[in-house]
């Protein structure tokens, strides 16, 4: 770890709120947003979890410039707090730390809530801390009930509504996995898509065929066509998955070969004189920094 520069002092310090200067202006309408209300509820219930991030102290004024945590500072002032724990940066750089923030996935949130409940925290207190209805906490506690481990593994890093799993829960494990793969391949992990997949699922692939979703708004012909399209899409996904590695390797090799052609001055001159449109395409290919999406 030699050569690594630590960006903050190792221990938080307590700073008088009056000595913390915001680095940006926030509209008063911010206090009406859901995010503001959730953070406020959390601070009221369990206190400040993440310290504010501030710059080094100004020796003349004793002020710190706030680098990150403007909403938290507004709430602390609203609650009449006098001091706040702060992480002090070792340099004076107004960097937006949230740029590198990994948002909590839906499955991770479930695991954290479940752990809290297992350790004695009541669902009502969690609901109050997160500023949500207690029924939402119960849904998140029971999120993985009826979901096969393979489906959970596929979607563990995604953010989505718990209602997605409510739709998948009505399917048998193999169908759950198929639908999860389809949603990922389409980059569409939404309630609407999950319910469409549920409607397109044949009764024998449901947990309870007697409670198959109603299809009154769709004709039998439309249902059959949707089922066929979903099957074809799943087959295409499997084929693409099997050949992905080889396809990527071939694309990288082709790009390298084209780059060598363009670098050859004789080839370049010939293409410039006789195949200018083709040369333009070749040059654009060589400028692609990566073939990854």
C-alpha atoms as a PDB file:
ATOM      1  CA  UNK A   1       0.000   0.000   0.000  1.00  0.00           C
ATOM      2  CA  UNK A   2       3.040   2.268  -0.214  1.00  0.00           C
ATOM      3  CA  UNK A   3       2.475   5.425  -2.218  1.00  0.00           C
ATOM      4  CA  UNK A   4      -1.269   5.569  -1.489  1.00  0.00           C
ATOM      5  CA  UNK A   5      -2.286   8.997  -0.241  1.00  0.00           C
ATOM      6  CA  UNK A   6      -5.062   9.052   2.367  1.00  0.00           C
ATOM      7  CA  UNK A   7      -7.721  11.561   1.332  1.00  0.00           C
ATOM      8  CA  UNK A   8      -9.145  12.222   4.820  1.00  0.00           C
ATOM      9  CA  UNK A   9      -8.024  12.424   8.411  1.00  0.00           C
ATOM     10  CA  UNK A  10      -8.328   8.981   9.969  1.00  0.00           C
ATOM     11  CA  UNK A  11     -10.891   9.983  12.610  1.00  0.00           C
ATOM     12  CA  UNK A  12     -14.006  12.175  12.279  1.00  0.00           C
ATOM     13  CA  UNK A  13     -13.972  15.479  14.121  1.00  0.00           C
ATOM     14  CA  UNK A  14     -16.926  17.293  15.675  1.00  0.00           C
ATOM     15  CA  UNK A  15     -17.473  20.710  14.051  1.00  0.00           C
ATOM     16  CA  UNK A  16     -19.831  23.492  15.054  1.00  0.00           C
ATOM     17  CA  UNK A  17     -22.530  23.662  12.369  1.00  0.00           C
ATOM     18  CA  UNK A  18     -22.178  27.447  12.198  1.00  0.00           C
ATOM     19  CA  UNK A  19     -18.598  26.924  11.004  1.00  0.00           C
ATOM     20  CA  UNK A  20     -19.615  24.702   8.065  1.00  0.00           C
ATOM     21  CA  UNK A  21     -20.070  26.667   4.833  1.00  0.00           C
ATOM     22  CA  UNK A  22     -22.103  25.042   2.002  1.00  0.00           C
ATOM     23  CA  UNK A  23     -20.358  25.042  -1.378  1.00  0.00           C
ATOM     24  CA  UNK A  24     -23.635  25.324  -3.290  1.00  0.00           C
ATOM     25  CA  UNK A  25     -27.107  26.786  -2.913  1.00  0.00           C
ATOM     26  CA  UNK A  26     -30.139  24.526  -2.564  1.00  0.00           C
ATOM     27  CA  UNK A  27     -33.721  25.546  -3.215  1.00  0.00           C
ATOM     28  CA  UNK A  28     -36.144  25.494  -0.289  1.00  0.00           C
ATOM     29  CA  UNK A  29     -38.285  23.128  -2.396  1.00  0.00           C
ATOM     30  CA  UNK A  30     -35.706  20.422  -1.663  1.00  0.00           C
ATOM     31  CA  UNK A  31     -37.331  19.887   1.736  1.00  0.00           C
ATOM     32  CA  UNK A  32     -40.467  18.641  -0.035  1.00  0.00           C
ATOM     33  CA  UNK A  33     -38.702  15.787  -1.855  1.00  0.00           C
ATOM     34  CA  UNK A  34     -38.958  12.132  -0.825  1.00  0.00           C
ATOM     35  CA  UNK A  35     -35.186  11.847  -0.456  1.00  0.00           C
ATOM     36  CA  UNK A  36     -35.074  14.775   1.988  1.00  0.00           C
ATOM     37  CA  UNK A  37     -37.910  13.320   4.063  1.00  0.00           C
ATOM     38  CA  UNK A  38     -36.271   9.880   4.177  1.00  0.00           C
ATOM     39  CA  UNK A  39     -32.920  11.259   5.326  1.00  0.00           C
ATOM     40  CA  UNK A  40     -34.631  13.438   7.928  1.00  0.00           C
ATOM     41  CA  UNK A  41     -36.627  10.481   9.266  1.00  0.00           C
ATOM     42  CA  UNK A  42     -33.442   8.413   9.465  1.00  0.00           C
ATOM     43  CA  UNK A  43     -31.568  11.112  11.407  1.00  0.00           C
ATOM     44  CA  UNK A  44     -34.486  11.597  13.787  1.00  0.00           C
ATOM     45  CA  UNK A  45     -34.782   7.882  14.450  1.00  0.00           C
ATOM     46  CA  UNK A  46     -31.163   6.597  14.484  1.00  0.00           C
ATOM     47  CA  UNK A  47     -29.113   9.841  14.300  1.00  0.00           C
ATOM     48  CA  UNK A  48     -26.574  10.766  11.622  1.00  0.00           C
ATOM     49  CA  UNK A  49     -25.009   7.625  10.131  1.00  0.00           C
ATOM     50  CA  UNK A  50     -22.589   9.082   7.579  1.00  0.00           C
ATOM     51  CA  UNK A  51     -20.449  12.070   8.668  1.00  0.00           C
ATOM     52  CA  UNK A  52     -20.315  15.187   6.541  1.00  0.00           C
ATOM     53  CA  UNK A  53     -17.289  15.644   4.276  1.00  0.00           C
ATOM     54  CA  UNK A  54     -15.541  18.991   4.697  1.00  0.00           C
ATOM     55  CA  UNK A  55     -12.373  20.703   3.550  1.00  0.00           C
ATOM     56  CA  UNK A  56      -9.487  21.707   5.821  1.00  0.00           C
ATOM     57  CA  UNK A  57     -10.185  24.398   8.390  1.00  0.00           C
ATOM     58  CA  UNK A  58      -9.498  28.017   7.501  1.00  0.00           C
ATOM     59  CA  UNK A  59      -7.047  29.139  10.201  1.00  0.00           C
ATOM     60  CA  UNK A  60      -8.347  32.724  10.155  1.00  0.00           C
ATOM     61  CA  UNK A  61     -12.111  32.109  10.288  1.00  0.00           C
ATOM     62  CA  UNK A  62     -12.287  28.523  11.703  1.00  0.00           C
ATOM     63  CA  UNK A  63     -14.651  27.685   8.824  1.00  0.00           C
ATOM     64  CA  UNK A  64     -14.796  24.448   6.840  1.00  0.00           C
ATOM     65  CA  UNK A  65     -16.139  24.299   3.273  1.00  0.00           C
ATOM     66  CA  UNK A  66     -18.700  21.508   2.910  1.00  0.00           C
ATOM     67  CA  UNK A  67     -17.689  19.058   0.166  1.00  0.00           C
ATOM     68  CA  UNK A  68     -20.448  16.476   0.512  1.00  0.00           C
ATOM     69  CA  UNK A  69     -23.601  16.211   2.657  1.00  0.00           C
ATOM     70  CA  UNK A  70     -25.585  19.361   1.872  1.00  0.00           C
ATOM     71  CA  UNK A  71     -28.955  17.706   2.492  1.00  0.00           C
ATOM     72  CA  UNK A  72     -27.752  16.299   5.812  1.00  0.00           C
ATOM     73  CA  UNK A  73     -26.488  19.735   6.850  1.00  0.00           C
ATOM     74  CA  UNK A  74     -29.851  21.344   5.986  1.00  0.00           C
ATOM     75  CA  UNK A  75     -31.666  18.747   8.073  1.00  0.00           C
ATOM     76  CA  UNK A  76     -29.301  19.105  11.026  1.00  0.00           C
ATOM     77  CA  UNK A  77     -29.914  22.860  10.999  1.00  0.00           C
ATOM     78  CA  UNK A  78     -33.667  22.310  10.744  1.00  0.00           C
ATOM     79  CA  UNK A  79     -33.516  19.984  13.744  1.00  0.00           C
ATOM     80  CA  UNK A  80     -31.619  22.582  15.739  1.00  0.00           C
ATOM     81  CA  UNK A  81     -28.400  20.598  16.046  1.00  0.00           C
ATOM     82  CA  UNK A  82     -25.340  22.544  17.153  1.00  0.00           C
ATOM     83  CA  UNK A  83     -22.529  20.172  16.092  1.00  0.00           C
ATOM     84  CA  UNK A  84     -21.968  17.523  13.450  1.00  0.00           C
ATOM     85  CA  UNK A  85     -19.334  14.788  12.983  1.00  0.00           C
ATOM     86  CA  UNK A  86     -17.218  15.486   9.909  1.00  0.00           C
ATOM     87  CA  UNK A  87     -14.581  13.752   7.810  1.00  0.00           C
ATOM     88  CA  UNK A  88     -11.924  16.359   7.063  1.00  0.00           C
ATOM     89  CA  UNK A  89     -10.287  16.177   3.640  1.00  0.00           C
ATOM     90  CA  UNK A  90      -6.512  16.453   3.540  1.00  0.00           C
ATOM     91  CA  UNK A  91      -6.730  18.827   0.596  1.00  0.00           C
ATOM     92  CA  UNK A  92      -9.123  21.589  -0.372  1.00  0.00           C
ATOM     93  CA  UNK A  93     -10.873  20.041  -3.337  1.00  0.00           C
ATOM     94  CA  UNK A  94     -14.615  20.329  -3.931  1.00  0.00           C
ATOM     95  CA  UNK A  95     -15.025  16.813  -5.289  1.00  0.00           C
ATOM     96  CA  UNK A  96     -18.441  15.251  -5.727  1.00  0.00           C
ATOM     97  CA  UNK A  97     -18.025  12.028  -3.759  1.00  0.00           C
ATOM     98  CA  UNK A  98     -21.375  10.655  -4.883  1.00  0.00           C
ATOM     99  CA  UNK A  99     -19.912  10.191  -8.379  1.00  0.00           C
ATOM    100  CA  UNK A 100     -18.333   6.946  -7.149  1.00  0.00           C
ATOM    101  CA  UNK A 101     -21.212   5.848  -4.982  1.00  0.00           C
ATOM    102  CA  UNK A 102     -22.592   2.353  -5.530  1.00  0.00           C
ATOM    103  CA  UNK A 103     -26.339   2.428  -4.976  1.00  0.00           C
ATOM    104  CA  UNK A 104     -27.822  -0.278  -2.804  1.00  0.00           C
ATOM    105  CA  UNK A 105     -29.434  -3.042  -4.841  1.00  0.00           C
ATOM    106  CA  UNK A 106     -32.908  -4.352  -4.030  1.00  0.00           C
ATOM    107  CA  UNK A 107     -31.600  -7.722  -2.809  1.00  0.00           C
ATOM    108  CA  UNK A 108     -28.900  -6.066  -0.691  1.00  0.00           C
ATOM    109  CA  UNK A 109     -31.532  -3.809   0.862  1.00  0.00           C
ATOM    110  CA  UNK A 110     -33.613  -6.895   1.704  1.00  0.00           C
ATOM    111  CA  UNK A 111     -30.614  -8.561   3.385  1.00  0.00           C
ATOM    112  CA  UNK A 112     -29.870  -5.453   5.469  1.00  0.00           C
ATOM    113  CA  UNK A 113     -33.491  -5.087   6.567  1.00  0.00           C
ATOM    114  CA  UNK A 114     -33.714  -8.798   7.350  1.00  0.00           C
ATOM    115  CA  UNK A 115     -30.518  -8.584   9.415  1.00  0.00           C
ATOM    116  CA  UNK A 116     -31.905  -5.621  11.349  1.00  0.00           C
ATOM    117  CA  UNK A 117     -35.145  -7.481  12.103  1.00  0.00           C
ATOM    118  CA  UNK A 118     -33.215 -10.597  13.153  1.00  0.00           C
ATOM    119  CA  UNK A 119     -31.266  -8.443  15.607  1.00  0.00           C
ATOM    120  CA  UNK A 120     -34.430  -7.129  17.232  1.00  0.00           C
ATOM    121  CA  UNK A 121     -35.271  -3.965  15.294  1.00  0.00           C
ATOM    122  CA  UNK A 122     -39.034  -3.803  14.778  1.00  0.00           C
ATOM    123  CA  UNK A 123     -40.470  -3.327  11.253  1.00  0.00           C
ATOM    124  CA  UNK A 124     -42.347  -0.264  12.544  1.00  0.00           C
ATOM    125  CA  UNK A 125     -39.108   1.397  13.640  1.00  0.00           C
ATOM    126  CA  UNK A 126     -37.466   0.578  10.304  1.00  0.00           C
ATOM    127  CA  UNK A 127     -40.454   2.052   8.479  1.00  0.00           C
ATOM    128  CA  UNK A 128     -40.202   5.193  10.567  1.00  0.00           C
ATOM    129  CA  UNK A 129     -36.453   5.500   9.975  1.00  0.00           C
ATOM    130  CA  UNK A 130     -36.860   5.073   6.222  1.00  0.00           C
ATOM    131  CA  UNK A 131     -40.019   7.190   6.055  1.00  0.00           C
ATOM    132  CA  UNK A 132     -42.052   4.482   4.350  1.00  0.00           C
ATOM    133  CA  UNK A 133     -45.214   2.582   5.166  1.00  0.00           C
ATOM    134  CA  UNK A 134     -44.757  -0.496   7.356  1.00  0.00           C
ATOM    135  CA  UNK A 135     -46.316  -2.657   4.621  1.00  0.00           C
ATOM    136  CA  UNK A 136     -43.385  -1.759   2.345  1.00  0.00           C
ATOM    137  CA  UNK A 137     -40.942  -2.987   4.975  1.00  0.00           C
ATOM    138  CA  UNK A 138     -42.828  -6.277   5.230  1.00  0.00           C
ATOM    139  CA  UNK A 139     -42.647  -6.697   1.448  1.00  0.00           C
ATOM    140  CA  UNK A 140     -38.901  -6.134   1.561  1.00  0.00           C
ATOM    141  CA  UNK A 141     -38.463  -8.532   4.477  1.00  0.00           C
ATOM    142  CA  UNK A 142     -40.237 -11.298   2.519  1.00  0.00           C
ATOM    143  CA  UNK A 143     -38.714 -10.310  -0.829  1.00  0.00           C
ATOM    144  CA  UNK A 144     -37.008 -13.630  -1.575  1.00  0.00           C
ATOM    145  CA  UNK A 145     -39.826 -15.915  -0.425  1.00  0.00           C
ATOM    146  CA  UNK A 146     -40.673 -18.230  -3.324  1.00  0.00           C
ATOM    147  CA  UNK A 147     -37.749 -17.010  -5.467  1.00  0.00           C
ATOM    148  CA  UNK A 148     -35.210 -19.640  -6.524  1.00  0.00           C
ATOM    149  CA  UNK A 149     -31.516 -19.004  -5.621  1.00  0.00           C
ATOM    150  CA  UNK A 150     -30.444 -18.860  -9.292  1.00  0.00           C
ATOM    151  CA  UNK A 151     -32.882 -16.022 -10.014  1.00  0.00           C
ATOM    152  CA  UNK A 152     -31.738 -14.174  -6.895  1.00  0.00           C
ATOM    153  CA  UNK A 153     -28.117 -14.518  -8.010  1.00  0.00           C
ATOM    154  CA  UNK A 154     -28.901 -13.068 -11.451  1.00  0.00           C
ATOM    155  CA  UNK A 155     -30.701 -10.025 -10.047  1.00  0.00           C
ATOM    156  CA  UNK A 156     -28.684  -9.454  -6.868  1.00  0.00           C
ATOM    157  CA  UNK A 157     -26.929  -6.330  -8.202  1.00  0.00           C
ATOM    158  CA  UNK A 158     -30.006  -4.709  -9.773  1.00  0.00           C
ATOM    159  CA  UNK A 159     -32.361  -2.045  -8.494  1.00  0.00           C
ATOM    160  CA  UNK A 160     -36.034  -2.803  -9.109  1.00  0.00           C
ATOM    161  CA  UNK A 161     -39.448  -2.719  -7.491  1.00  0.00           C
ATOM    162  CA  UNK A 162     -40.342  -5.596  -5.123  1.00  0.00           C
ATOM    163  CA  UNK A 163     -43.383  -6.082  -7.380  1.00  0.00           C
ATOM    164  CA  UNK A 164     -41.025  -7.634  -9.957  1.00  0.00           C
ATOM    165  CA  UNK A 165     -40.432 -10.540  -7.590  1.00  0.00           C
ATOM    166  CA  UNK A 166     -44.154 -10.636  -6.825  1.00  0.00           C
ATOM    167  CA  UNK A 167     -44.723 -11.526 -10.489  1.00  0.00           C
ATOM    168  CA  UNK A 168     -41.810 -13.985 -10.672  1.00  0.00           C
ATOM    169  CA  UNK A 169     -42.964 -15.662  -7.461  1.00  0.00           C
ATOM    170  CA  UNK A 170     -46.048 -16.964  -9.272  1.00  0.00           C
ATOM    171  CA  UNK A 171     -43.846 -18.903 -11.702  1.00  0.00           C
ATOM    172  CA  UNK A 172     -42.007 -22.171 -11.266  1.00  0.00           C
ATOM    173  CA  UNK A 173     -38.212 -21.910 -10.710  1.00  0.00           C
ATOM    174  CA  UNK A 174     -37.163 -22.737 -14.284  1.00  0.00           C
ATOM    175  CA  UNK A 175     -39.546 -20.129 -15.694  1.00  0.00           C
ATOM    176  CA  UNK A 176     -38.376 -17.596 -13.089  1.00  0.00           C
ATOM    177  CA  UNK A 177     -34.812 -18.038 -14.301  1.00  0.00           C
ATOM    178  CA  UNK A 178     -35.827 -17.706 -17.953  1.00  0.00           C
ATOM    179  CA  UNK A 179     -37.685 -14.459 -17.276  1.00  0.00           C
ATOM    180  CA  UNK A 180     -34.814 -13.041 -15.238  1.00  0.00           C
ATOM    181  CA  UNK A 181     -32.466 -13.720 -18.150  1.00  0.00           C
ATOM    182  CA  UNK A 182     -34.896 -12.085 -20.566  1.00  0.00           C
ATOM    183  CA  UNK A 183     -35.218  -8.965 -18.419  1.00  0.00           C
ATOM    184  CA  UNK A 184     -31.454  -8.654 -18.094  1.00  0.00           C
ATOM    185  CA  UNK A 185     -30.859  -9.185 -21.810  1.00  0.00           C
ATOM    186  CA  UNK A 186     -33.450  -6.492 -22.583  1.00  0.00           C
ATOM    187  CA  UNK A 187     -32.073  -4.283 -19.760  1.00  0.00           C
ATOM    188  CA  UNK A 188     -35.658  -3.916 -18.604  1.00  0.00           C
ATOM    189  CA  UNK A 189     -36.133  -5.129 -15.026  1.00  0.00           C
ATOM    190  CA  UNK A 190     -39.490  -3.436 -14.518  1.00  0.00           C
ATOM    191  CA  UNK A 191     -42.866  -4.366 -13.088  1.00  0.00           C
ATOM    192  CA  UNK A 192     -44.612  -3.913 -16.443  1.00  0.00           C
ATOM    193  CA  UNK A 193     -42.210  -6.268 -18.222  1.00  0.00           C
ATOM    194  CA  UNK A 194     -42.344  -8.848 -15.422  1.00  0.00           C
ATOM    195  CA  UNK A 195     -46.142  -8.851 -15.555  1.00  0.00           C
ATOM    196  CA  UNK A 196     -46.082  -9.170 -19.345  1.00  0.00           C
ATOM    197  CA  UNK A 197     -43.832 -12.211 -18.978  1.00  0.00           C
ATOM    198  CA  UNK A 198     -46.228 -13.588 -16.380  1.00  0.00           C
ATOM    199  CA  UNK A 199     -49.180 -13.205 -18.753  1.00  0.00           C
ATOM    200  CA  UNK A 200     -47.177 -14.919 -21.502  1.00  0.00           C
ATOM    201  CA  UNK A 201     -46.391 -17.891 -19.232  1.00  0.00           C
ATOM    202  CA  UNK A 202     -48.360 -21.044 -19.888  1.00  0.00           C
ATOM    203  CA  UNK A 203     -50.429 -22.370 -16.913  1.00  0.00           C
ATOM    204  CA  UNK A 204     -48.321 -25.512 -16.504  1.00  0.00           C
ATOM    205  CA  UNK A 205     -45.279 -23.319 -15.776  1.00  0.00           C
ATOM    206  CA  UNK A 206     -47.026 -21.445 -12.977  1.00  0.00           C
ATOM    207  CA  UNK A 207     -46.941 -22.394  -9.294  1.00  0.00           C
ATOM    208  CA  UNK A 208     -50.735 -22.390  -9.198  1.00  0.00           C
ATOM    209  CA  UNK A 209     -52.270 -22.937 -12.616  1.00  0.00           C
ATOM    210  CA  UNK A 210     -55.745 -22.302 -11.203  1.00  0.00           C
ATOM    211  CA  UNK A 211     -54.718 -18.715 -10.449  1.00  0.00           C
ATOM    212  CA  UNK A 212     -53.264 -17.903 -13.840  1.00  0.00           C
ATOM    213  CA  UNK A 213     -53.387 -14.136 -14.579  1.00  0.00           C
ATOM    214  CA  UNK A 214     -56.405 -12.900 -16.481  1.00  0.00           C
ATOM    215  CA  UNK A 215     -55.967 -12.334 -20.186  1.00  0.00           C
ATOM    216  CA  UNK A 216     -59.280 -10.663 -20.922  1.00  0.00           C
ATOM    217  CA  UNK A 217     -57.617  -7.699 -22.579  1.00  0.00           C
ATOM    218  CA  UNK A 218     -55.710 -10.004 -24.938  1.00  0.00           C
ATOM    219  CA  UNK A 219     -57.095 -12.409 -27.498  1.00  0.00           C
ATOM    220  CA  UNK A 220     -55.951 -16.016 -27.516  1.00  0.00           C
ATOM    221  CA  UNK A 221     -54.091 -15.324 -30.748  1.00  0.00           C
ATOM    222  CA  UNK A 222     -52.177 -12.449 -29.117  1.00  0.00           C
ATOM    223  CA  UNK A 223     -51.284 -14.588 -26.114  1.00  0.00           C
ATOM    224  CA  UNK A 224     -49.968 -17.387 -28.337  1.00  0.00           C
ATOM    225  CA  UNK A 225     -47.962 -14.912 -30.386  1.00  0.00           C
ATOM    226  CA  UNK A 226     -46.474 -13.339 -27.230  1.00  0.00           C
ATOM    227  CA  UNK A 227     -45.521 -16.752 -25.865  1.00  0.00           C
ATOM    228  CA  UNK A 228     -43.841 -17.612 -29.164  1.00  0.00           C
ATOM    229  CA  UNK A 229     -41.949 -14.317 -29.252  1.00  0.00           C
ATOM    230  CA  UNK A 230     -40.771 -14.779 -25.670  1.00  0.00           C
ATOM    231  CA  UNK A 231     -39.548 -18.283 -26.467  1.00  0.00           C
ATOM    232  CA  UNK A 232     -37.687 -17.038 -29.548  1.00  0.00           C
ATOM    233  CA  UNK A 233     -36.133 -14.190 -27.568  1.00  0.00           C
ATOM    234  CA  UNK A 234     -34.953 -16.597 -24.886  1.00  0.00           C
ATOM    235  CA  UNK A 235     -33.403 -18.898 -27.511  1.00  0.00           C
ATOM    236  CA  UNK A 236     -31.625 -15.937 -29.116  1.00  0.00           C
ATOM    237  CA  UNK A 237     -30.313 -14.853 -25.721  1.00  0.00           C
ATOM    238  CA  UNK A 238     -28.901 -18.338 -25.077  1.00  0.00           C
ATOM    239  CA  UNK A 239     -27.221 -18.414 -28.491  1.00  0.00           C
ATOM    240  CA  UNK A 240     -25.700 -14.960 -27.992  1.00  0.00           C
ATOM    241  CA  UNK A 241     -24.487 -15.976 -24.537  1.00  0.00           C
ATOM    242  CA  UNK A 242     -22.715 -19.043 -25.938  1.00  0.00           C
ATOM    243  CA  UNK A 243     -20.918 -17.152 -28.715  1.00  0.00           C
ATOM    244  CA  UNK A 244     -20.253 -13.879 -26.840  1.00  0.00           C
ATOM    245  CA  UNK A 245     -16.612 -14.646 -25.987  1.00  0.00           C
ATOM    246  CA  UNK A 246     -15.692 -15.715 -29.525  1.00  0.00           C
ATOM    247  CA  UNK A 247     -17.539 -12.762 -31.042  1.00  0.00           C
ATOM    248  CA  UNK A 248     -15.723 -10.286 -28.802  1.00  0.00           C
ATOM    249  CA  UNK A 249     -12.345 -11.825 -29.636  1.00  0.00           C
ATOM    250  CA  UNK A 250     -13.078 -11.674 -33.378  1.00  0.00           C
ATOM    251  CA  UNK A 251     -14.143  -8.032 -33.093  1.00  0.00           C
ATOM    252  CA  UNK A 252     -10.956  -7.094 -31.246  1.00  0.00           C
ATOM    253  CA  UNK A 253      -8.808  -8.899 -33.819  1.00  0.00           C
ATOM    254  CA  UNK A 254     -10.709  -7.295 -36.708  1.00  0.00           C
ATOM    255  CA  UNK A 255     -10.288  -3.838 -35.195  1.00  0.00           C
ATOM    256  CA  UNK A 256      -6.546  -4.430 -34.769  1.00  0.00           C
ATOM    257  CA  UNK A 257      -6.192  -5.586 -38.381  1.00  0.00           C
ATOM    258  CA  UNK A 258      -8.110  -2.562 -39.688  1.00  0.00           C
ATOM    259  CA  UNK A 259      -5.922  -0.263 -37.575  1.00  0.00           C
ATOM    260  CA  UNK A 260      -2.806  -1.729 -39.187  1.00  0.00           C
ATOM    261  CA  UNK A 261      -4.301  -1.208 -42.662  1.00  0.00           C
ATOM    262  CA  UNK A 262      -5.066   2.436 -41.946  1.00  0.00           C
ATOM    263  CA  UNK A 263      -1.569   2.968 -40.517  1.00  0.00           C
ATOM    264  CA  UNK A 264      -0.046   1.718 -43.768  1.00  0.00           C
ATOM    265  CA  UNK A 265       0.530   4.901 -45.792  1.00  0.00           C
ATOM    266  CA  UNK A 266       0.242   3.117 -49.159  1.00  0.00           C
ATOM    267  CA  UNK A 267      -3.086   1.500 -48.239  1.00  0.00           C
ATOM    268  CA  UNK A 268      -4.303   4.764 -46.752  1.00  0.00           C
ATOM    269  CA  UNK A 269      -3.455   6.707 -49.911  1.00  0.00           C
ATOM    270  CA  UNK A 270      -5.159   4.135 -52.146  1.00  0.00           C
ATOM    271  CA  UNK A 271      -8.341   4.119 -50.069  1.00  0.00           C
ATOM    272  CA  UNK A 272      -8.315   7.903 -49.908  1.00  0.00           C
ATOM    273  CA  UNK A 273      -8.218   8.118 -53.691  1.00  0.00           C
ATOM    274  CA  UNK A 274     -10.545   5.259 -54.626  1.00  0.00           C
ATOM    275  CA  UNK A 275     -12.648   4.262 -51.600  1.00  0.00           C
ATOM    276  CA  UNK A 276     -13.064   7.393 -49.454  1.00  0.00           C
ATOM    277  CA  UNK A 277     -16.345   6.208 -47.928  1.00  0.00           C
ATOM    278  CA  UNK A 278     -14.769   2.893 -46.909  1.00  0.00           C
ATOM    279  CA  UNK A 279     -11.757   4.712 -45.470  1.00  0.00           C
ATOM    280  CA  UNK A 280     -14.062   6.878 -43.381  1.00  0.00           C
ATOM    281  CA  UNK A 281     -15.664   3.779 -41.903  1.00  0.00           C
ATOM    282  CA  UNK A 282     -12.281   2.186 -41.223  1.00  0.00           C
ATOM    283  CA  UNK A 283     -11.043   5.276 -39.412  1.00  0.00           C
ATOM    284  CA  UNK A 284     -14.185   5.434 -37.279  1.00  0.00           C
ATOM    285  CA  UNK A 285     -13.671   1.781 -36.284  1.00  0.00           C
ATOM    286  CA  UNK A 286     -10.080   2.412 -35.207  1.00  0.00           C
ATOM    287  CA  UNK A 287     -11.225   5.278 -32.984  1.00  0.00           C
ATOM    288  CA  UNK A 288     -13.476   3.021 -30.956  1.00  0.00           C
ATOM    289  CA  UNK A 289     -11.754   2.742 -27.603  1.00  0.00           C
ATOM    290  CA  UNK A 290     -13.636  -0.360 -26.499  1.00  0.00           C
ATOM    291  CA  UNK A 291     -16.117  -2.822 -27.922  1.00  0.00           C
ATOM    292  CA  UNK A 292     -17.860  -3.104 -24.561  1.00  0.00           C
ATOM    293  CA  UNK A 293     -21.266  -1.521 -24.033  1.00  0.00           C
END
